[in-house]
Amino acid sequence: SCADTPRAVVRALREEAPGGLPDDVLVLCLDWYGRDPAERRAVGGEESEGLPGPPAV
C-alpha cells in the first residue's frame, strides 16, 4: 500500500548503510505527487519551476 512505501524505503536505507545509521541521523525527503497529473498543485519544487514531474505510474 502507499502508506507502507515510506516505511519500506527508510527500512531499506537503514539496512544498506555501512555500519548502520542511528534514527537521528537518517533524513529522507519524499515528494509525493499522487497518481493523477491533473490533481497536482505545486507551489514550489520541480513542477513550479517548469521541470518534468515524476514518471507516470
N, C-alpha and C. Protein backbone atom coordinates (compact mmCIF):
# COMPACT_ATOMS: atom_id res chain seq x y z
N SER A 1 0.83 -1.19 0.00
CA SER A 1 0.00 0.00 0.00
C SER A 1 0.87 1.25 0.00
N CYS A 2 0.29 2.37 -0.34
CA CYS A 2 1.03 3.64 -0.37
C CYS A 2 1.58 4.01 1.00
N ALA A 3 0.85 3.69 2.05
CA ALA A 3 1.30 4.03 3.40
C ALA A 3 2.53 3.23 3.80
N ASP A 4 2.70 2.03 3.25
CA ASP A 4 3.84 1.19 3.58
C ASP A 4 5.11 1.59 2.84
N THR A 5 4.98 2.31 1.75
CA THR A 5 6.14 2.64 0.92
C THR A 5 7.19 3.47 1.65
N PRO A 6 6.83 4.58 2.31
CA PRO A 6 7.88 5.33 3.02
C PRO A 6 8.60 4.49 4.08
N ARG A 7 7.85 3.65 4.81
CA ARG A 7 8.46 2.78 5.81
C ARG A 7 9.44 1.81 5.17
N ALA A 8 9.07 1.25 4.03
CA ALA A 8 9.94 0.30 3.34
C ALA A 8 11.21 0.99 2.83
N VAL A 9 11.08 2.21 2.35
CA VAL A 9 12.25 2.96 1.87
C VAL A 9 13.20 3.24 3.03
N VAL A 10 12.67 3.72 4.14
CA VAL A 10 13.51 4.01 5.31
C VAL A 10 14.18 2.73 5.80
N ARG A 11 13.44 1.64 5.87
CA ARG A 11 13.99 0.36 6.32
C ARG A 11 15.14 -0.07 5.41
N ALA A 12 14.95 0.04 4.10
CA ALA A 12 16.00 -0.35 3.15
C ALA A 12 17.23 0.54 3.29
N LEU A 13 17.04 1.84 3.47
CA LEU A 13 18.18 2.75 3.65
C LEU A 13 18.96 2.40 4.91
N ARG A 14 18.25 2.11 5.98
CA ARG A 14 18.94 1.78 7.24
C ARG A 14 19.68 0.46 7.14
N GLU A 15 19.11 -0.51 6.44
CA GLU A 15 19.76 -1.81 6.32
C GLU A 15 20.99 -1.76 5.42
N GLU A 16 20.99 -0.89 4.41
CA GLU A 16 22.08 -0.84 3.45
C GLU A 16 23.22 0.10 3.86
N ALA A 17 23.00 0.93 4.85
CA ALA A 17 24.04 1.89 5.27
C ALA A 17 25.19 1.14 5.94
N PRO A 18 26.43 1.42 5.51
CA PRO A 18 27.59 0.77 6.14
C PRO A 18 27.65 1.12 7.63
N GLY A 19 27.65 0.12 8.47
CA GLY A 19 27.71 0.35 9.91
C GLY A 19 26.38 0.75 10.52
N GLY A 20 25.34 0.85 9.72
CA GLY A 20 24.02 1.24 10.22
C GLY A 20 23.93 2.73 10.49
N LEU A 21 22.74 3.21 10.66
CA LEU A 21 22.50 4.62 10.94
C LEU A 21 21.58 4.75 12.14
N PRO A 22 21.96 5.58 13.12
CA PRO A 22 21.02 5.83 14.21
C PRO A 22 19.82 6.63 13.67
N ASP A 23 18.69 6.50 14.31
CA ASP A 23 17.47 7.17 13.85
C ASP A 23 17.65 8.68 13.68
N ASP A 24 18.43 9.31 14.56
CA ASP A 24 18.54 10.76 14.49
C ASP A 24 19.49 11.24 13.39
N VAL A 25 20.10 10.31 12.64
CA VAL A 25 21.00 10.70 11.56
C VAL A 25 20.31 10.56 10.20
N LEU A 26 19.35 9.69 10.10
CA LEU A 26 18.69 9.41 8.83
C LEU A 26 17.68 10.51 8.49
N VAL A 27 17.82 11.09 7.30
CA VAL A 27 16.88 12.10 6.82
C VAL A 27 16.40 11.67 5.45
N LEU A 28 15.11 11.71 5.23
CA LEU A 28 14.53 11.31 3.96
C LEU A 28 13.57 12.41 3.51
N CYS A 29 13.75 12.88 2.29
CA CYS A 29 12.84 13.86 1.73
C CYS A 29 12.06 13.18 0.60
N LEU A 30 10.77 13.14 0.71
CA LEU A 30 9.93 12.44 -0.25
C LEU A 30 8.88 13.40 -0.78
N ASP A 31 8.89 13.64 -2.08
CA ASP A 31 7.85 14.45 -2.72
C ASP A 31 6.83 13.51 -3.32
N TRP A 32 5.59 13.59 -2.87
CA TRP A 32 4.54 12.73 -3.40
C TRP A 32 3.62 13.57 -4.25
N TYR A 33 3.52 13.22 -5.51
CA TYR A 33 2.69 13.97 -6.44
C TYR A 33 1.33 13.33 -6.65
N GLY A 34 1.14 12.12 -6.21
CA GLY A 34 -0.11 11.42 -6.46
C GLY A 34 -0.08 10.73 -7.81
N ARG A 35 -1.13 10.03 -8.13
CA ARG A 35 -1.15 9.25 -9.37
C ARG A 35 -1.68 10.03 -10.56
N ASP A 36 -2.55 10.98 -10.33
CA ASP A 36 -3.19 11.69 -11.44
C ASP A 36 -2.52 13.05 -11.65
N PRO A 37 -1.82 13.24 -12.78
CA PRO A 37 -1.15 14.52 -13.03
C PRO A 37 -2.09 15.72 -12.99
N ALA A 38 -3.37 15.52 -13.31
CA ALA A 38 -4.33 16.63 -13.30
C ALA A 38 -4.58 17.15 -11.88
N GLU A 39 -4.31 16.33 -10.87
CA GLU A 39 -4.55 16.72 -9.49
C GLU A 39 -3.36 17.44 -8.86
N ARG A 40 -2.24 17.53 -9.55
CA ARG A 40 -1.04 18.16 -8.98
C ARG A 40 -1.21 19.66 -8.87
N ARG A 41 -0.91 20.20 -7.72
CA ARG A 41 -1.00 21.63 -7.50
C ARG A 41 0.26 22.09 -6.76
N ALA A 42 1.37 22.19 -7.46
CA ALA A 42 2.63 22.55 -6.82
C ALA A 42 2.74 24.05 -6.64
N VAL A 43 3.27 24.46 -5.49
CA VAL A 43 3.54 25.86 -5.23
C VAL A 43 5.05 26.09 -5.24
N GLY A 44 5.80 25.03 -5.12
CA GLY A 44 7.25 25.09 -5.14
C GLY A 44 7.79 23.78 -5.64
N GLY A 45 9.06 23.72 -5.86
CA GLY A 45 9.68 22.48 -6.30
C GLY A 45 9.71 22.35 -7.80
N GLU A 46 9.95 21.15 -8.26
CA GLU A 46 10.19 20.89 -9.68
C GLU A 46 9.06 21.37 -10.58
N GLU A 47 7.82 21.03 -10.24
CA GLU A 47 6.72 21.34 -11.14
C GLU A 47 6.54 22.84 -11.34
N SER A 48 6.73 23.61 -10.28
CA SER A 48 6.53 25.05 -10.40
C SER A 48 7.66 25.72 -11.16
N GLU A 49 8.81 25.04 -11.29
CA GLU A 49 9.95 25.61 -12.00
C GLU A 49 10.03 25.15 -13.44
N GLY A 50 9.02 24.46 -13.91
CA GLY A 50 8.99 24.04 -15.30
C GLY A 50 9.77 22.78 -15.60
N LEU A 51 10.27 22.09 -14.58
CA LEU A 51 10.98 20.84 -14.80
C LEU A 51 9.97 19.71 -14.89
N PRO A 52 10.35 18.59 -15.47
CA PRO A 52 9.39 17.49 -15.60
C PRO A 52 8.97 16.95 -14.24
N GLY A 53 7.75 16.51 -14.16
CA GLY A 53 7.23 15.92 -12.94
C GLY A 53 7.69 14.48 -12.81
N PRO A 54 7.14 13.74 -11.86
CA PRO A 54 7.53 12.35 -11.66
C PRO A 54 7.07 11.49 -12.83
N PRO A 55 7.68 10.33 -13.00
CA PRO A 55 7.28 9.44 -14.09
C PRO A 55 5.85 8.93 -13.89
N ALA A 56 5.19 8.66 -14.99
CA ALA A 56 3.82 8.13 -14.93
C ALA A 56 3.84 6.74 -14.33
N VAL A 57 2.80 6.42 -13.54
CA VAL A 57 2.72 5.11 -12.90
C VAL A 57 1.95 4.17 -13.78
